[in-house]
Amino acid sequence: MTTNDWYLKNTYFIDIDGTLLEHIEDYENIENYSTLRALPMAVEKTKEWYKRGDIIILTTARPERMRDITIEQLDNAGIKYHKLLMDIGGGIRYLINDVPKKYARDKAISYNVLRNIEGLQNIDDNDQRYIDG
């Protein structure tokens, strides 16, 4: 892989609970669950992006002390990823990225999905609004 190939890879920042895995009502005791239900297209999309060579960074408000059980839950569900960011807080998340003046498209895109319903099924990473031209 050349430097240019690596530079052109997409990066996906994805929240875990309610987006990839079911956000359970008993959230206070989530450490007691080794398996959580994967949401629609979570496994398929993450595998596709991972295989394609894109970068997948999972984010969660879960505290760092829950890293081991979180990894176990993700592995049991079949979720592929490269990095796991823990303890990021549960407030509004902002994705901020630069765009060179010569670049004619957005370089940061965000989606909000309905908790425990949509998963990744409505994520269109081939959206024509973001193609140059």
Protein backbone atom coordinates (compact mmCIF):
# COMPACT_ATOMS: atom_id res chain seq x y z
CA MET A 1 0.00 0.00 0.00
CA THR A 2 1.42 3.38 -0.98
CA THR A 3 1.19 6.49 1.17
CA ASN A 4 -1.41 7.84 -1.24
CA ASP A 5 -3.53 4.64 -0.90
CA TRP A 6 -3.47 4.99 2.88
CA TYR A 7 -4.29 8.70 2.70
CA LEU A 8 -7.43 8.02 0.65
CA LYS A 9 -8.93 5.50 3.08
CA ASN A 10 -12.16 6.48 4.80
CA THR A 11 -12.30 6.73 8.57
CA TYR A 12 -15.48 5.78 10.41
CA PHE A 13 -16.08 7.04 13.97
CA ILE A 14 -18.97 4.95 15.31
CA ASP A 15 -20.69 4.97 18.69
CA ILE A 16 -21.26 1.50 20.16
CA ASP A 17 -24.40 1.43 22.32
CA GLY A 18 -27.61 1.92 20.36
CA THR A 19 -25.70 2.14 17.06
CA LEU A 20 -23.74 -1.11 16.71
CA LEU A 21 -24.96 -3.04 19.74
CA GLU A 22 -28.29 -2.90 21.52
CA HIS A 23 -28.44 -0.18 24.18
CA ILE A 24 -30.02 -2.16 27.01
CA GLU A 25 -32.44 -0.78 29.59
CA ASP A 26 -30.30 -2.34 32.35
CA TYR A 27 -27.36 -0.13 31.30
CA GLU A 28 -26.12 0.20 34.89
CA ASN A 29 -25.34 -3.54 34.82
CA ILE A 30 -24.04 -3.81 31.25
CA GLU A 31 -20.88 -5.45 32.60
CA ASN A 32 -22.98 -8.54 33.39
CA TYR A 33 -23.73 -9.15 29.70
CA SER A 34 -21.11 -10.95 27.61
CA THR A 35 -23.36 -10.84 24.55
CA LEU A 36 -25.43 -7.96 23.22
CA ARG A 37 -27.57 -8.04 20.07
CA ALA A 38 -25.89 -6.52 17.01
CA LEU A 39 -28.11 -3.94 15.33
CA PRO A 40 -29.13 -4.05 11.64
CA MET A 41 -26.16 -4.15 9.24
CA ALA A 42 -23.64 -3.45 12.03
CA VAL A 43 -21.70 -6.66 11.45
CA GLU A 44 -21.97 -6.58 7.65
CA LYS A 45 -20.95 -2.93 7.22
CA THR A 46 -18.04 -3.03 9.68
CA LYS A 47 -16.71 -6.20 8.01
CA GLU A 48 -17.07 -4.60 4.56
CA TRP A 49 -15.24 -1.41 5.58
CA TYR A 50 -12.55 -3.35 7.47
CA LYS A 51 -11.94 -5.66 4.51
CA ARG A 52 -11.81 -2.67 2.15
CA GLY A 53 -9.03 -1.24 4.32
CA ASP A 54 -10.95 1.69 5.77
CA ILE A 55 -10.28 2.70 9.37
CA ILE A 56 -12.95 1.98 12.00
CA ILE A 57 -12.73 3.81 15.33
CA LEU A 58 -15.38 2.91 17.88
CA THR A 59 -16.38 5.43 20.53
CA THR A 60 -18.27 5.03 23.77
CA ALA A 61 -19.15 6.87 26.94
CA ARG A 62 -18.47 3.64 28.84
CA PRO A 63 -15.73 4.12 31.44
CA GLU A 64 -12.23 2.78 30.77
CA ARG A 65 -12.72 0.12 33.49
CA MET A 66 -15.22 -1.56 31.12
CA ARG A 67 -12.72 -2.00 28.26
CA ASP A 68 -12.38 -5.80 28.63
CA ILE A 69 -16.13 -6.52 28.70
CA THR A 70 -16.69 -4.07 25.85
CA ILE A 71 -14.11 -5.87 23.69
CA GLU A 72 -15.71 -9.20 24.60
CA GLN A 73 -19.18 -7.94 23.62
CA LEU A 74 -17.89 -6.56 20.31
CA ASP A 75 -16.00 -9.78 19.53
CA ASN A 76 -19.02 -11.94 20.41
CA ALA A 77 -21.20 -9.84 18.09
CA GLY A 78 -18.68 -10.04 15.23
CA ILE A 79 -17.98 -6.30 15.02
CA LYS A 80 -14.70 -5.45 13.23
CA TYR A 81 -12.74 -2.34 14.24
CA HIS A 82 -9.24 -0.91 14.59
CA LYS A 83 -9.41 1.34 17.66
CA LEU A 84 -11.65 1.73 20.68
CA LEU A 85 -12.00 5.12 22.41
CA MET A 86 -13.53 4.80 25.88
CA ASP A 87 -14.86 7.35 28.37
CA ILE A 88 -15.64 10.09 25.84
CA GLY A 89 -18.78 11.35 27.59
CA GLY A 90 -22.41 11.11 26.58
CA GLY A 91 -23.02 14.68 25.44
CA ILE A 92 -23.23 15.97 21.89
CA ARG A 93 -20.36 14.80 19.69
CA TYR A 94 -18.85 17.14 17.12
CA LEU A 95 -16.76 15.98 14.17
CA ILE A 96 -14.58 18.82 12.91
CA ASN A 97 -12.28 18.46 9.94
CA ASP A 98 -10.41 20.78 7.56
CA VAL A 99 -11.06 21.11 3.83
CA PRO A 100 -8.35 22.40 1.48
CA LYS A 101 -9.53 25.36 -0.64
CA LYS A 102 -9.13 23.32 -3.84
CA TYR A 103 -11.28 20.47 -2.48
CA ALA A 104 -14.84 20.60 -3.82
CA ARG A 105 -16.56 18.34 -1.30
CA ASP A 106 -17.13 17.80 2.39
CA LYS A 107 -14.47 15.74 4.13
CA ALA A 108 -16.58 15.14 7.24
CA ILE A 109 -20.04 13.60 7.16
CA SER A 110 -22.27 12.74 10.10
CA TYR A 111 -25.31 10.52 10.55
CA ASN A 112 -27.64 10.26 13.52
CA VAL A 113 -29.43 6.91 13.80
CA LEU A 114 -32.42 6.00 15.92
CA ARG A 115 -31.25 4.14 19.04
CA ASN A 116 -31.65 0.37 18.82
CA ILE A 117 -33.57 0.62 15.53
CA GLU A 118 -31.53 1.64 12.49
CA GLY A 119 -28.06 0.36 13.24
CA LEU A 120 -25.99 0.99 10.10
CA GLN A 121 -28.65 -0.02 7.57
CA ASN A 122 -29.24 3.55 6.32
CA ILE A 123 -25.59 4.61 6.12
CA ASP A 124 -24.74 5.35 2.49
CA ASP A 125 -21.00 5.77 2.10
CA ASN A 126 -21.50 6.13 -1.66
CA ASP A 127 -23.73 9.21 -1.32
CA GLN A 128 -23.32 11.15 -4.60
CA ARG A 129 -23.52 14.51 -2.80
CA TYR A 130 -19.93 13.93 -1.71
CA ILE A 131 -18.40 13.08 -5.08
CA ASP A 132 -16.28 15.75 -6.81
CA GLY A 133 -17.76 17.39 -9.85
